[in-house]
Amino acid sequence: MDPDQRKKAFIHFWGKLFLSLITVAILYLSLIRPVQSFLLKHYLLPVLETFLDSAGDLMLVHRTDEIEMIFKSAKFPDMKIELPFTGYFWLSMSMIWVVKQRMFGRIVHIWNLCLLIIIPLLSLAIISGTHWLSPLFLVHQKLYKALFLILGMLAIREGALKLDKHASKKL
């Protein structure tokens, strides 16, 4: 592969990645996030408030795309209830799709499908008074976001290495 072709291949790869990131960001901010916010505010929050003890230590507040659990006594840090398939999912998938890393994509999809079960169960348990689960919930929130970003970056790295290896074979 001559240097001009190699340069075009790299520009094509990074251009596809940039286009994917921009497209997913626009779709997420204009369509997905407003729908998630609507569902949280009008459907999930009223249901969760029925489990809330009015004299209890916990208060629920709707934010743009999450419900914040605020402990009045500050025994535990505030937590957020988010729907699965949030911005972290879409950001990582926009990176994974470009390089067609199916294994990473499966991990992210399976994890999000599991979140459909995990988040409601942990949220209901904490709202119902099982506050000792709060640290577990917090660790999970940080862990899955970091994992998604790491998988996205690893997918980009794999794609760039594959492109570089392909280019060096042609020389």
Foldseek 3Di string as FASTA:
>chain_A
DDPVVLVVLVCVLVVQLVVLQVVLVCCQVPPVQQVQLCCCVPPVVVVLVVLADPPAQWDWDRDSAWIWIDGNVPPDHIDTQGQFPHPLLSNLVSLCVSLVPVVLNVVSVVVSVVCVVVRVVLSSCCRNPVVVCRVVRVVVVVVSSVSSVVSSVVSNVVSVVVSVVVVVVVD
